[in-house]
Amino acid sequence: MSDLVPVLIWESYEDDAELEVEDGVVTNHDRLVNNGQTYAEVRALARDAAEQHDLTILTPDSTHWHDEFAELEAGDSWRLADLEG
């Protein structure tokens, strides 16, 4: 199994965001961003998946690194605004 790494995801959708999806693509993305229905988050993901999809993996020398990321467990996620408060 691949080790877990903290991955920065700039635009996650709020739970109550009304997504309009066509062929697997959110067609109203810009409107959701403009309406404040997205947020930046850090998630624990498998390294091989993060690398395969060219996602931003945070390291201790990254601008958005926090000590919470040193010991990751599956399912860990944080809103970036909460961390940098």
Protein backbone atom coordinates (compact mmCIF):
# COMPACT_ATOMS: atom_id res chain seq x y z
CA MET A 1 0.00 0.00 0.00
CA SER A 2 1.18 3.52 -0.81
CA ASP A 3 2.05 5.83 2.05
CA LEU A 4 -0.23 8.78 2.78
CA VAL A 5 0.80 12.32 1.95
CA PRO A 6 -0.86 15.70 2.61
CA VAL A 7 -2.29 17.07 -0.64
CA LEU A 8 -3.43 20.67 -1.15
CA ILE A 9 -6.75 20.95 -2.95
CA TRP A 10 -7.60 24.57 -3.73
CA GLU A 11 -11.28 24.25 -4.56
CA SER A 12 -13.34 21.69 -2.69
CA TYR A 13 -17.12 22.10 -2.79
CA GLU A 14 -19.21 22.90 0.29
CA ASP A 15 -21.63 20.11 1.22
CA ASP A 16 -24.63 22.27 0.32
CA ALA A 17 -23.23 23.42 -3.05
CA GLU A 18 -25.68 22.67 -5.84
CA LEU A 19 -23.40 21.05 -8.38
CA GLU A 20 -24.47 20.94 -12.00
CA VAL A 21 -22.62 17.99 -13.52
CA GLU A 22 -22.48 16.98 -17.17
CA ASP A 23 -20.34 14.05 -18.30
CA GLY A 24 -18.46 14.11 -14.98
CA VAL A 25 -17.63 17.83 -15.21
CA VAL A 26 -19.03 20.49 -12.85
CA THR A 27 -20.43 23.00 -15.32
CA ASN A 28 -21.25 25.71 -12.77
CA HIS A 29 -17.82 25.73 -11.10
CA ASP A 30 -17.14 29.45 -11.61
CA ARG A 31 -20.52 30.41 -10.17
CA LEU A 32 -19.91 28.22 -7.11
CA VAL A 33 -16.51 29.88 -6.59
CA ASN A 34 -18.05 33.36 -6.95
CA ASN A 35 -20.81 32.44 -4.47
CA GLY A 36 -18.28 31.29 -1.85
CA GLN A 37 -19.30 27.64 -2.08
CA THR A 38 -15.75 26.33 -2.36
CA TYR A 39 -12.82 26.19 0.04
CA ALA A 40 -9.18 25.11 0.11
CA GLU A 41 -8.35 21.97 2.03
CA VAL A 42 -5.55 19.55 2.77
CA ARG A 43 -6.36 15.84 2.52
CA ALA A 44 -4.41 12.71 3.31
CA LEU A 45 -4.16 10.77 0.04
CA ALA A 46 -2.11 7.85 -1.19
CA ARG A 47 1.18 9.06 -2.62
CA ASP A 48 0.84 7.05 -5.83
CA ALA A 49 -2.62 8.54 -6.54
CA ALA A 50 -1.43 12.07 -5.78
CA GLU A 51 1.56 11.66 -8.07
CA GLN A 52 -0.51 10.00 -10.81
CA HIS A 53 -2.89 12.99 -10.87
CA ASP A 54 -0.10 15.57 -10.44
CA LEU A 55 -1.58 16.97 -7.21
CA THR A 56 0.30 19.35 -4.91
CA ILE A 57 1.96 17.29 -2.18
CA LEU A 58 2.94 19.34 0.86
CA THR A 59 6.35 18.77 2.45
CA PRO A 60 7.83 20.25 5.64
CA ASP A 61 9.39 23.07 3.61
CA SER A 62 6.07 23.97 1.90
CA THR A 63 4.41 27.29 2.67
CA HIS A 64 1.20 25.59 3.88
CA TRP A 65 2.87 22.86 5.99
CA HIS A 66 1.53 22.27 9.52
CA ASP A 67 2.75 19.79 12.12
CA GLU A 68 -0.60 17.93 11.94
CA PHE A 69 0.53 16.52 8.60
CA ALA A 70 3.46 14.57 10.07
CA GLU A 71 1.27 11.63 11.22
CA LEU A 72 -1.52 11.09 8.68
CA GLU A 73 -4.38 8.62 8.86
CA ALA A 74 -6.82 7.68 6.11
CA GLY A 75 -9.66 10.16 6.00
CA ASP A 76 -7.75 13.08 7.52
CA SER A 77 -8.68 16.45 6.06
CA TRP A 78 -8.41 20.06 7.16
CA ARG A 79 -9.77 23.33 5.84
CA LEU A 80 -6.78 25.49 5.06
CA ALA A 81 -8.50 28.58 6.53
CA ASP A 82 -8.93 26.77 9.87
CA LEU A 83 -5.24 25.87 9.97
CA GLU A 84 -4.03 29.32 9.03
CA GLY A 85 -6.82 31.09 10.90
